[in-house]
């Protein structure tokens, strides 16, 4: 398995390439598993470090439901508490809380723009915000940890 770090529009992504067969690569991006269909097959004997895949040239489909990805819980270890995750990919429009704030279940903690719609992300838990892992203007993927509540 090959591990890489990419920065796309200022957002860091940890990418693990598990397998490449023909024009389909099985990858894990920030803990979410995808099958990536490449426009051109990659020669399996070439080193994967030489592969350059640009975002407009790939079609990514989750190979498993992001909530079921076993690595999805790993980022929560950075802080104590329960993770609030992005329900879909989008851009953070507004962070409504700060670390140390007390929130109730159902409180709006941030606003995520996806498909030209603003979505209020509500706390699933009552408690204190222990960490915020995103900032306004940042793009996030489905399943990304946005903040933790302890």
N, C-alpha and C. Protein backbone atom coordinates (compact mmCIF):
# COMPACT_ATOMS: atom_id res chain seq x y z
N UNK A 1 0.86 -1.18 0.00
CA UNK A 1 0.00 0.00 0.00
C UNK A 1 0.90 1.23 0.00
N UNK A 2 0.60 2.18 -0.86
CA UNK A 2 1.37 3.42 -0.96
C UNK A 2 0.59 4.55 -0.33
N UNK A 3 1.29 5.38 0.48
CA UNK A 3 0.64 6.49 1.16
C UNK A 3 1.20 7.79 0.64
N UNK A 4 0.30 8.77 0.41
CA UNK A 4 0.68 10.07 -0.11
C UNK A 4 -0.10 11.15 0.61
N UNK A 5 0.41 12.37 0.55
CA UNK A 5 -0.32 13.52 1.05
C UNK A 5 -0.44 14.51 -0.10
N UNK A 6 -1.67 14.98 -0.34
CA UNK A 6 -1.94 15.93 -1.40
C UNK A 6 -2.60 17.16 -0.81
N UNK A 7 -2.39 18.28 -1.49
CA UNK A 7 -3.08 19.52 -1.11
C UNK A 7 -3.85 19.95 -2.35
N UNK A 8 -5.18 20.07 -2.21
CA UNK A 8 -6.04 20.49 -3.31
C UNK A 8 -6.79 21.73 -2.84
N UNK A 9 -6.60 22.83 -3.50
CA UNK A 9 -7.22 24.11 -3.15
C UNK A 9 -7.04 24.43 -1.67
N UNK A 10 -5.83 24.19 -1.17
CA UNK A 10 -5.50 24.53 0.21
C UNK A 10 -5.94 23.52 1.25
N UNK A 11 -6.56 22.40 0.84
CA UNK A 11 -7.03 21.38 1.78
C UNK A 11 -6.12 20.17 1.69
N UNK A 12 -5.62 19.69 2.83
CA UNK A 12 -4.75 18.52 2.87
C UNK A 12 -5.57 17.24 2.82
N UNK A 13 -5.08 16.27 2.04
CA UNK A 13 -5.71 14.96 1.92
C UNK A 13 -4.65 13.89 2.11
N UNK A 14 -4.92 12.91 2.98
CA UNK A 14 -4.08 11.73 3.13
C UNK A 14 -4.67 10.67 2.22
N UNK A 15 -3.85 10.17 1.28
CA UNK A 15 -4.33 9.22 0.29
C UNK A 15 -3.51 7.94 0.37
N UNK A 16 -4.19 6.81 0.47
CA UNK A 16 -3.55 5.50 0.44
C UNK A 16 -4.04 4.78 -0.80
N UNK A 17 -3.12 4.37 -1.66
CA UNK A 17 -3.49 3.60 -2.84
C UNK A 17 -3.33 2.14 -2.48
N UNK A 18 -4.46 1.43 -2.39
CA UNK A 18 -4.44 0.04 -1.99
C UNK A 18 -4.14 -0.90 -3.15
N UNK A 19 -4.76 -0.61 -4.31
CA UNK A 19 -4.65 -1.53 -5.43
C UNK A 19 -5.01 -0.78 -6.71
N UNK A 20 -4.32 -1.12 -7.80
CA UNK A 20 -4.65 -0.57 -9.11
C UNK A 20 -4.81 -1.75 -10.05
N UNK A 21 -5.98 -1.84 -10.66
CA UNK A 21 -6.24 -2.91 -11.61
C UNK A 21 -6.86 -2.29 -12.85
N UNK A 22 -6.11 -2.32 -13.96
CA UNK A 22 -6.61 -1.70 -15.18
C UNK A 22 -6.76 -0.21 -14.98
N UNK A 23 -8.00 0.29 -15.16
CA UNK A 23 -8.22 1.73 -14.99
C UNK A 23 -8.99 2.03 -13.70
N UNK A 24 -9.01 1.10 -12.73
CA UNK A 24 -9.68 1.34 -11.45
C UNK A 24 -8.65 1.24 -10.32
N UNK A 25 -8.58 2.31 -9.52
CA UNK A 25 -7.70 2.33 -8.36
C UNK A 25 -8.55 2.29 -7.11
N UNK A 26 -8.20 1.42 -6.18
CA UNK A 26 -8.87 1.37 -4.88
C UNK A 26 -8.03 2.22 -3.94
N UNK A 27 -8.64 3.34 -3.46
CA UNK A 27 -7.92 4.28 -2.63
C UNK A 27 -8.70 4.60 -1.36
N UNK A 28 -7.99 5.08 -0.35
CA UNK A 28 -8.60 5.57 0.88
C UNK A 28 -8.16 7.01 1.02
N UNK A 29 -9.14 7.94 1.04
CA UNK A 29 -8.86 9.37 1.16
C UNK A 29 -9.41 9.85 2.49
N UNK A 30 -8.52 10.29 3.38
CA UNK A 30 -8.90 10.74 4.72
C UNK A 30 -9.81 9.74 5.41
N UNK A 31 -9.50 8.45 5.26
CA UNK A 31 -10.24 7.40 5.95
C UNK A 31 -11.48 6.92 5.23
N UNK A 32 -11.80 7.47 4.06
CA UNK A 32 -12.99 7.06 3.31
C UNK A 32 -12.52 6.30 2.07
N UNK A 33 -13.05 5.09 1.88
CA UNK A 33 -12.64 4.22 0.79
C UNK A 33 -13.38 4.58 -0.51
N UNK A 34 -12.62 4.67 -1.62
CA UNK A 34 -13.18 4.99 -2.94
C UNK A 34 -12.62 4.05 -4.00
N UNK A 35 -13.42 3.81 -5.03
CA UNK A 35 -12.94 3.23 -6.28
C UNK A 35 -12.82 4.41 -7.23
N UNK A 36 -11.63 4.64 -7.76
CA UNK A 36 -11.40 5.77 -8.65
C UNK A 36 -11.20 5.23 -10.06
N UNK A 37 -12.06 5.65 -10.96
CA UNK A 37 -11.97 5.23 -12.35
C UNK A 37 -11.09 6.22 -13.11
N UNK A 38 -9.96 5.73 -13.62
CA UNK A 38 -9.01 6.57 -14.33
C UNK A 38 -9.36 6.59 -15.82
N UNK A 39 -9.09 7.69 -16.48
CA UNK A 39 -9.36 7.77 -17.93
C UNK A 39 -8.44 6.83 -18.70
N UNK A 40 -7.23 6.63 -18.19
CA UNK A 40 -6.28 5.73 -18.85
C UNK A 40 -5.79 4.71 -17.83
N UNK A 41 -5.68 3.43 -18.23
CA UNK A 41 -5.15 2.42 -17.30
C UNK A 41 -3.71 2.75 -16.92
N UNK A 42 -3.34 2.33 -15.71
CA UNK A 42 -1.98 2.52 -15.23
C UNK A 42 -1.26 1.19 -15.40
N UNK A 43 -0.06 1.23 -15.88
CA UNK A 43 0.74 0.02 -16.00
C UNK A 43 1.11 -0.45 -14.59
N UNK A 44 0.62 -1.63 -14.14
CA UNK A 44 0.87 -2.06 -12.76
C UNK A 44 2.34 -2.26 -12.45
N UNK A 45 3.21 -2.39 -13.47
CA UNK A 45 4.62 -2.59 -13.18
C UNK A 45 5.33 -1.26 -12.92
N UNK A 46 4.69 -0.14 -13.30
CA UNK A 46 5.31 1.17 -13.04
C UNK A 46 5.11 1.51 -11.57
N UNK A 47 5.97 2.35 -11.04
CA UNK A 47 5.83 2.74 -9.65
C UNK A 47 4.68 3.72 -9.51
N UNK A 48 3.91 3.59 -8.48
CA UNK A 48 2.75 4.44 -8.28
C UNK A 48 3.14 5.89 -8.01
N UNK A 49 4.37 6.12 -7.57
CA UNK A 49 4.78 7.49 -7.30
C UNK A 49 4.82 8.33 -8.57
N UNK A 50 4.94 7.69 -9.71
CA UNK A 50 4.99 8.42 -10.97
C UNK A 50 3.60 8.74 -11.50
N UNK A 51 2.57 8.23 -10.87
CA UNK A 51 1.21 8.45 -11.34
C UNK A 51 0.76 9.84 -10.94
N UNK A 52 0.24 10.59 -11.87
CA UNK A 52 -0.29 11.93 -11.59
C UNK A 52 -1.75 11.93 -12.04
N UNK A 53 -2.67 12.02 -11.09
CA UNK A 53 -4.09 12.01 -11.40
C UNK A 53 -4.66 13.37 -11.06
N UNK A 54 -5.23 14.06 -12.04
CA UNK A 54 -5.83 15.36 -11.80
C UNK A 54 -7.31 15.18 -11.53
N UNK A 55 -7.84 15.97 -10.61
CA UNK A 55 -9.23 15.82 -10.18
C UNK A 55 -10.24 15.78 -11.32
N UNK A 56 -10.15 16.63 -12.36
CA UNK A 56 -11.18 16.58 -13.40
C UNK A 56 -11.15 15.32 -14.24
N UNK A 57 -10.09 14.52 -14.14
CA UNK A 57 -9.97 13.35 -14.99
C UNK A 57 -10.39 12.05 -14.29
N UNK A 58 -10.95 12.12 -13.08
CA UNK A 58 -11.34 10.90 -12.38
C UNK A 58 -12.80 10.94 -12.00
N UNK A 59 -13.37 9.76 -11.85
CA UNK A 59 -14.74 9.62 -11.35
C UNK A 59 -14.63 8.77 -10.11
N UNK A 60 -14.95 9.33 -8.95
CA UNK A 60 -14.81 8.59 -7.69
C UNK A 60 -16.16 8.13 -7.20
N UNK A 61 -16.23 6.86 -6.83
CA UNK A 61 -17.44 6.30 -6.24
C UNK A 61 -17.03 5.62 -4.94
N UNK A 62 -17.68 5.92 -3.82
CA UNK A 62 -17.34 5.21 -2.60
C UNK A 62 -17.56 3.71 -2.80
N UNK A 63 -16.56 2.90 -2.41
CA UNK A 63 -16.72 1.46 -2.54
C UNK A 63 -17.49 0.89 -1.35
N UNK A 64 -17.56 1.65 -0.26
CA UNK A 64 -18.38 1.28 0.89
C UNK A 64 -19.02 2.56 1.41
N UNK A 65 -20.09 2.43 2.14
CA UNK A 65 -20.71 3.62 2.73
C UNK A 65 -19.71 4.28 3.66
N UNK A 66 -19.50 5.61 3.56
CA UNK A 66 -18.51 6.28 4.38
C UNK A 66 -18.70 6.05 5.87
N UNK A 67 -19.93 5.93 6.33
CA UNK A 67 -20.15 5.70 7.75
C UNK A 67 -19.63 4.33 8.17
N UNK A 68 -19.52 3.41 7.23
CA UNK A 68 -19.07 2.06 7.55
C UNK A 68 -17.56 1.91 7.42
N UNK A 69 -16.87 2.94 6.94
CA UNK A 69 -15.43 2.84 6.76
C UNK A 69 -14.76 2.66 8.12
N UNK A 70 -13.96 1.62 8.31
CA UNK A 70 -13.39 1.35 9.62
C UNK A 70 -12.43 2.43 10.09
N UNK A 71 -11.77 3.13 9.20
CA UNK A 71 -10.81 4.14 9.62
C UNK A 71 -11.46 5.47 9.94
N UNK A 72 -12.74 5.62 9.73
CA UNK A 72 -13.40 6.91 9.88
C UNK A 72 -13.35 7.42 11.32
N UNK A 73 -13.26 6.54 12.32
CA UNK A 73 -13.26 6.97 13.70
C UNK A 73 -11.87 7.42 14.16
N UNK A 74 -10.83 7.14 13.41
CA UNK A 74 -9.47 7.44 13.82
C UNK A 74 -9.21 8.92 14.10
N UNK A 75 -9.71 9.89 13.28
CA UNK A 75 -9.40 11.28 13.57
C UNK A 75 -9.92 11.78 14.91
N UNK A 76 -10.93 11.16 15.48
CA UNK A 76 -11.47 11.60 16.76
C UNK A 76 -10.47 11.41 17.88
N UNK A 77 -9.46 10.57 17.67
CA UNK A 77 -8.47 10.33 18.70
C UNK A 77 -7.65 11.58 19.01
N UNK A 78 -7.61 12.54 18.09
CA UNK A 78 -6.84 13.75 18.30
C UNK A 78 -7.40 14.57 19.45
N UNK A 79 -8.64 14.41 19.76
CA UNK A 79 -9.26 15.14 20.86
C UNK A 79 -10.28 14.21 21.51
N UNK A 80 -10.60 14.49 22.76
CA UNK A 80 -11.57 13.64 23.43
C UNK A 80 -12.98 14.08 23.09
N UNK A 81 -13.87 13.13 22.95
CA UNK A 81 -15.26 13.46 22.67
C UNK A 81 -15.80 12.71 21.48
N UNK A 82 -17.02 13.07 21.10
CA UNK A 82 -17.71 12.45 19.98
C UNK A 82 -17.58 13.35 18.76
N UNK A 83 -17.28 12.73 17.62
CA UNK A 83 -17.03 13.48 16.40
C UNK A 83 -18.33 13.86 15.71
N UNK A 84 -18.39 15.09 15.21
CA UNK A 84 -19.44 15.53 14.30
C UNK A 84 -18.80 15.49 12.92
N UNK A 85 -19.40 14.71 12.01
CA UNK A 85 -18.80 14.49 10.69
C UNK A 85 -19.64 15.13 9.59
N UNK A 86 -18.98 15.43 8.48
CA UNK A 86 -19.67 16.02 7.33
C UNK A 86 -20.61 14.98 6.72
N UNK A 87 -21.90 15.32 6.58
CA UNK A 87 -22.84 14.38 6.01
C UNK A 87 -22.70 14.25 4.48
N UNK A 88 -22.03 15.23 3.86
CA UNK A 88 -21.80 15.22 2.42
C UNK A 88 -20.64 16.15 2.11
N UNK A 89 -20.01 16.03 0.95
CA UNK A 89 -18.91 16.92 0.64
C UNK A 89 -19.40 18.34 0.40
N UNK A 90 -18.57 19.32 0.75
CA UNK A 90 -18.97 20.70 0.57
C UNK A 90 -17.91 21.66 1.09
N UNK A 91 -18.33 22.90 1.29
CA UNK A 91 -17.44 23.96 1.78
C UNK A 91 -18.01 24.54 3.06
N UNK A 92 -17.15 24.73 4.05
CA UNK A 92 -17.56 25.31 5.33
C UNK A 92 -17.82 26.80 5.10
N UNK A 93 -19.06 27.23 5.35
CA UNK A 93 -19.45 28.63 5.17
C UNK A 93 -19.31 29.41 6.48
N UNK A 94 -19.64 28.77 7.60
CA UNK A 94 -19.61 29.47 8.89
C UNK A 94 -19.43 28.47 10.01
N UNK A 95 -18.52 28.77 10.93
CA UNK A 95 -18.34 27.97 12.15
C UNK A 95 -18.99 28.76 13.26
N UNK A 96 -20.04 28.20 13.85
CA UNK A 96 -20.86 28.93 14.82
C UNK A 96 -20.42 28.77 16.27
N UNK A 97 -19.43 27.89 16.53
CA UNK A 97 -18.99 27.63 17.90
C UNK A 97 -17.47 27.78 18.00
N UNK A 98 -16.99 27.84 19.23
CA UNK A 98 -15.55 27.89 19.51
C UNK A 98 -15.22 26.76 20.47
N UNK A 99 -13.95 26.40 20.52
CA UNK A 99 -13.51 25.39 21.48
C UNK A 99 -13.84 25.91 22.88
N UNK A 100 -14.44 25.06 23.69
CA UNK A 100 -14.83 25.43 25.05
C UNK A 100 -16.30 25.80 25.18
N UNK A 101 -16.97 26.07 24.06
CA UNK A 101 -18.40 26.39 24.10
C UNK A 101 -19.21 25.17 24.52
N UNK A 102 -20.28 25.41 25.25
CA UNK A 102 -21.21 24.35 25.63
C UNK A 102 -22.34 24.34 24.61
N UNK A 103 -22.66 23.14 24.11
CA UNK A 103 -23.73 23.01 23.12
C UNK A 103 -24.73 21.96 23.59
N UNK A 104 -25.97 22.12 23.10
CA UNK A 104 -27.02 21.14 23.37
C UNK A 104 -27.26 20.35 22.09
N UNK A 105 -27.83 19.18 22.25
CA UNK A 105 -28.19 18.39 21.08
C UNK A 105 -29.16 19.21 20.22
N UNK A 106 -28.88 19.31 18.92
CA UNK A 106 -29.74 20.07 18.02
C UNK A 106 -29.26 21.49 17.75
N UNK A 107 -28.28 21.98 18.52
CA UNK A 107 -27.73 23.32 18.26
C UNK A 107 -26.98 23.32 16.93
N UNK A 108 -27.11 24.38 16.15
CA UNK A 108 -26.37 24.52 14.90
C UNK A 108 -24.93 24.87 15.26
N UNK A 109 -23.98 24.02 14.82
CA UNK A 109 -22.57 24.24 15.15
C UNK A 109 -21.79 24.81 13.98
N UNK A 110 -22.23 24.55 12.75
CA UNK A 110 -21.62 25.15 11.58
C UNK A 110 -22.54 25.05 10.38
N UNK A 111 -22.18 25.77 9.32
CA UNK A 111 -22.97 25.77 8.09
C UNK A 111 -22.07 25.24 6.98
N UNK A 112 -22.59 24.25 6.24
CA UNK A 112 -21.87 23.60 5.15
C UNK A 112 -22.62 23.85 3.84
N UNK A 113 -21.92 24.41 2.86
CA UNK A 113 -22.55 24.61 1.55
C UNK A 113 -22.22 23.40 0.67
N UNK A 114 -23.27 22.81 0.13
CA UNK A 114 -23.11 21.66 -0.76
C UNK A 114 -24.15 21.78 -1.87
N UNK A 115 -23.71 21.64 -3.10
CA UNK A 115 -24.61 21.72 -4.25
C UNK A 115 -25.40 23.02 -4.24
N UNK A 116 -24.72 24.12 -3.92
CA UNK A 116 -25.29 25.48 -3.91
C UNK A 116 -26.39 25.66 -2.87
N UNK A 117 -26.41 24.81 -1.86
CA UNK A 117 -27.39 24.95 -0.77
C UNK A 117 -26.63 25.02 0.55
N UNK A 118 -27.10 25.87 1.45
CA UNK A 118 -26.49 25.96 2.77
C UNK A 118 -27.20 24.98 3.70
N UNK A 119 -26.41 24.14 4.36
CA UNK A 119 -26.94 23.12 5.26
C UNK A 119 -26.47 23.40 6.68
N UNK A 120 -27.42 23.56 7.61
CA UNK A 120 -27.06 23.73 9.02
C UNK A 120 -26.65 22.37 9.55
N UNK A 121 -25.44 22.29 10.12
CA UNK A 121 -24.98 21.06 10.75
C UNK A 121 -25.23 21.20 12.24
N UNK A 122 -26.08 20.31 12.75
CA UNK A 122 -26.48 20.38 14.15
C UNK A 122 -25.69 19.38 14.99
N UNK A 123 -25.50 19.74 16.25
CA UNK A 123 -24.82 18.84 17.17
C UNK A 123 -25.69 17.62 17.44
N UNK A 124 -25.07 16.47 17.36
CA UNK A 124 -25.77 15.22 17.69
C UNK A 124 -25.66 14.92 19.17
N UNK A 125 -24.85 15.71 19.87
CA UNK A 125 -24.56 15.45 21.28
C UNK A 125 -24.66 16.73 22.09
N UNK A 126 -24.86 16.59 23.40
CA UNK A 126 -24.77 17.71 24.32
C UNK A 126 -23.40 17.63 24.98
N UNK A 127 -22.77 18.78 25.21
CA UNK A 127 -21.46 18.78 25.85
C UNK A 127 -20.68 20.03 25.51
N UNK A 128 -19.36 19.90 25.63
CA UNK A 128 -18.45 21.02 25.39
C UNK A 128 -17.64 20.74 24.13
N UNK A 129 -17.49 21.74 23.28
CA UNK A 129 -16.69 21.60 22.07
C UNK A 129 -15.23 21.44 22.49
N UNK A 130 -14.62 20.28 22.15
CA UNK A 130 -13.23 20.01 22.55
C UNK A 130 -12.24 20.30 21.44
N UNK A 131 -12.70 20.26 20.17
CA UNK A 131 -11.81 20.63 19.07
C UNK A 131 -12.63 20.98 17.84
N UNK A 132 -12.06 21.84 17.01
CA UNK A 132 -12.66 22.20 15.73
C UNK A 132 -11.57 21.94 14.69
N UNK A 133 -11.85 21.06 13.74
CA UNK A 133 -10.83 20.64 12.78
C UNK A 133 -10.97 21.31 11.42
N UNK A 134 -11.93 22.24 11.26
CA UNK A 134 -12.14 22.92 9.99
C UNK A 134 -12.20 24.43 10.21
N UNK A 135 -12.08 25.17 9.12
CA UNK A 135 -12.22 26.63 9.21
C UNK A 135 -13.07 27.11 8.05
N UNK A 136 -13.57 28.31 8.16
CA UNK A 136 -14.43 28.89 7.13
C UNK A 136 -13.69 28.90 5.80
N UNK A 137 -14.40 28.49 4.73
CA UNK A 137 -13.83 28.47 3.39
C UNK A 137 -13.17 27.15 3.03
N UNK A 138 -13.01 26.25 3.99
CA UNK A 138 -12.35 24.97 3.74
C UNK A 138 -13.31 23.98 3.09
N UNK A 139 -12.81 23.21 2.13
CA UNK A 139 -13.58 22.15 1.51
C UNK A 139 -13.41 20.87 2.31
N UNK A 140 -14.50 20.13 2.49
CA UNK A 140 -14.45 18.88 3.24
C UNK A 140 -15.09 17.77 2.43
N UNK A 141 -14.69 16.55 2.73
CA UNK A 141 -15.28 15.38 2.09
C UNK A 141 -16.32 14.78 3.01
N UNK A 142 -17.22 14.00 2.45
CA UNK A 142 -18.21 13.29 3.24
C UNK A 142 -17.48 12.42 4.25
N UNK A 143 -17.91 12.47 5.49
CA UNK A 143 -17.30 11.66 6.55
C UNK A 143 -16.15 12.32 7.26
N UNK A 144 -15.71 13.50 6.79
CA UNK A 144 -14.62 14.21 7.46
C UNK A 144 -15.07 14.69 8.83
N UNK A 145 -14.19 14.59 9.81
CA UNK A 145 -14.49 15.09 11.16
C UNK A 145 -14.43 16.60 11.12
N UNK A 146 -15.53 17.24 11.54
CA UNK A 146 -15.62 18.70 11.55
C UNK A 146 -15.25 19.26 12.91
N UNK A 147 -15.75 18.62 13.96
CA UNK A 147 -15.43 19.03 15.33
C UNK A 147 -15.78 17.88 16.26
N UNK A 148 -15.31 17.99 17.50
CA UNK A 148 -15.62 16.99 18.52
C UNK A 148 -16.27 17.66 19.72
N UNK A 149 -17.16 16.91 20.33
CA UNK A 149 -17.89 17.38 21.51
C UNK A 149 -17.71 16.36 22.60
N UNK A 150 -17.24 16.83 23.76
CA UNK A 150 -16.96 15.93 24.88
C UNK A 150 -17.93 16.12 26.01
